[in-house]
């Protein structure tokens, strides 16, 4: 498993990063997110989903085991 760390500042930066990241993850079947409450996981997921063309509400992945989109 590869661990990559980034430091982003602000919700817009996190969502934009998610959109760009989506382009590199098209063949990936699983993404593990780890972070404290309020760290931007939902914002990152919103950007990832936007990057693959998903339109709709995005719930927080914090309390779900599997969240289908």
C-alpha atoms as a PDB file:
ATOM      1  CA  UNK A   1       0.000   0.000   0.000  1.00  0.00           C
ATOM      2  CA  UNK A   2       1.254   3.454  -0.885  1.00  0.00           C
ATOM      3  CA  UNK A   3       0.822   6.293   1.586  1.00  0.00           C
ATOM      4  CA  UNK A   4       0.695   9.819   0.209  1.00  0.00           C
ATOM      5  CA  UNK A   5       0.276  12.932   2.336  1.00  0.00           C
ATOM      6  CA  UNK A   6      -0.785  16.398   1.173  1.00  0.00           C
ATOM      7  CA  UNK A   7      -1.387  19.632   3.024  1.00  0.00           C
ATOM      8  CA  UNK A   8      -4.199  21.688   1.525  1.00  0.00           C
ATOM      9  CA  UNK A   9      -5.688  24.920   2.806  1.00  0.00           C
ATOM     10  CA  UNK A  10      -9.404  25.556   2.457  1.00  0.00           C
ATOM     11  CA  UNK A  11     -12.481  23.758   1.225  1.00  0.00           C
ATOM     12  CA  UNK A  12     -12.067  24.920  -2.384  1.00  0.00           C
ATOM     13  CA  UNK A  13      -8.497  23.590  -2.525  1.00  0.00           C
ATOM     14  CA  UNK A  14      -9.604  20.225  -1.108  1.00  0.00           C
ATOM     15  CA  UNK A  15     -12.466  19.856  -3.576  1.00  0.00           C
ATOM     16  CA  UNK A  16     -10.257  20.866  -6.523  1.00  0.00           C
ATOM     17  CA  UNK A  17      -7.637  18.354  -5.391  1.00  0.00           C
ATOM     18  CA  UNK A  18     -10.336  15.667  -5.271  1.00  0.00           C
ATOM     19  CA  UNK A  19     -11.375  16.460  -8.837  1.00  0.00           C
ATOM     20  CA  UNK A  20      -7.795  16.140 -10.061  1.00  0.00           C
ATOM     21  CA  UNK A  21      -7.201  12.999  -8.009  1.00  0.00           C
ATOM     22  CA  UNK A  22     -10.259  11.357  -9.578  1.00  0.00           C
ATOM     23  CA  UNK A  23      -8.500  11.393 -12.946  1.00  0.00           C
ATOM     24  CA  UNK A  24      -5.655   9.274 -11.580  1.00  0.00           C
ATOM     25  CA  UNK A  25      -7.898   6.869  -9.657  1.00  0.00           C
ATOM     26  CA  UNK A  26     -10.106   5.689 -12.512  1.00  0.00           C
ATOM     27  CA  UNK A  27      -8.765   2.122 -12.280  1.00  0.00           C
ATOM     28  CA  UNK A  28      -8.660   1.983  -8.465  1.00  0.00           C
ATOM     29  CA  UNK A  29     -11.346  -0.076  -6.738  1.00  0.00           C
ATOM     30  CA  UNK A  30     -10.819   1.072  -3.153  1.00  0.00           C
ATOM     31  CA  UNK A  31      -9.815   4.322  -1.502  1.00  0.00           C
ATOM     32  CA  UNK A  32      -9.186   4.457   2.249  1.00  0.00           C
ATOM     33  CA  UNK A  33      -9.727   7.837   3.899  1.00  0.00           C
ATOM     34  CA  UNK A  34      -8.372   8.490   7.357  1.00  0.00           C
ATOM     35  CA  UNK A  35      -8.713  11.710   9.296  1.00  0.00           C
ATOM     36  CA  UNK A  36     -10.205  13.367  12.332  1.00  0.00           C
ATOM     37  CA  UNK A  37     -13.631  14.980  12.262  1.00  0.00           C
ATOM     38  CA  UNK A  38     -13.600  18.180  10.263  1.00  0.00           C
ATOM     39  CA  UNK A  39     -10.458  17.341   8.291  1.00  0.00           C
ATOM     40  CA  UNK A  40     -12.164  17.505   4.884  1.00  0.00           C
ATOM     41  CA  UNK A  41     -12.945  13.881   4.014  1.00  0.00           C
ATOM     42  CA  UNK A  42     -16.440  14.711   2.770  1.00  0.00           C
ATOM     43  CA  UNK A  43     -15.116  17.666   0.780  1.00  0.00           C
ATOM     44  CA  UNK A  44     -12.466  15.440  -0.798  1.00  0.00           C
ATOM     45  CA  UNK A  45     -15.084  12.814  -1.677  1.00  0.00           C
ATOM     46  CA  UNK A  46     -17.312  15.551  -3.135  1.00  0.00           C
ATOM     47  CA  UNK A  47     -14.415  16.587  -5.389  1.00  0.00           C
ATOM     48  CA  UNK A  48     -13.601  12.987  -6.342  1.00  0.00           C
ATOM     49  CA  UNK A  49     -17.192  12.316  -7.307  1.00  0.00           C
ATOM     50  CA  UNK A  50     -17.456  15.587  -9.206  1.00  0.00           C
ATOM     51  CA  UNK A  51     -14.304  14.574 -11.077  1.00  0.00           C
ATOM     52  CA  UNK A  52     -15.967  11.374 -12.314  1.00  0.00           C
ATOM     53  CA  UNK A  53     -19.204  13.114 -13.270  1.00  0.00           C
ATOM     54  CA  UNK A  54     -21.400  12.293 -10.263  1.00  0.00           C
ATOM     55  CA  UNK A  55     -24.181  14.790  -9.628  1.00  0.00           C
ATOM     56  CA  UNK A  56     -26.091  14.586  -6.372  1.00  0.00           C
ATOM     57  CA  UNK A  57     -25.759  14.878  -2.627  1.00  0.00           C
ATOM     58  CA  UNK A  58     -22.623  13.542  -0.947  1.00  0.00           C
ATOM     59  CA  UNK A  59     -23.005  12.203   2.587  1.00  0.00           C
ATOM     60  CA  UNK A  60     -20.148  12.068   5.048  1.00  0.00           C
ATOM     61  CA  UNK A  61     -18.140   8.835   4.718  1.00  0.00           C
ATOM     62  CA  UNK A  62     -17.175   8.988   8.418  1.00  0.00           C
ATOM     63  CA  UNK A  63     -19.923   6.794   9.850  1.00  0.00           C
ATOM     64  CA  UNK A  64     -20.553   4.412   6.974  1.00  0.00           C
ATOM     65  CA  UNK A  65     -18.863   1.136   6.187  1.00  0.00           C
ATOM     66  CA  UNK A  66     -19.815   1.327   2.510  1.00  0.00           C
ATOM     67  CA  UNK A  67     -21.320   4.393   0.853  1.00  0.00           C
ATOM     68  CA  UNK A  68     -22.437   3.631  -2.716  1.00  0.00           C
ATOM     69  CA  UNK A  69     -22.605   6.576  -5.137  1.00  0.00           C
END
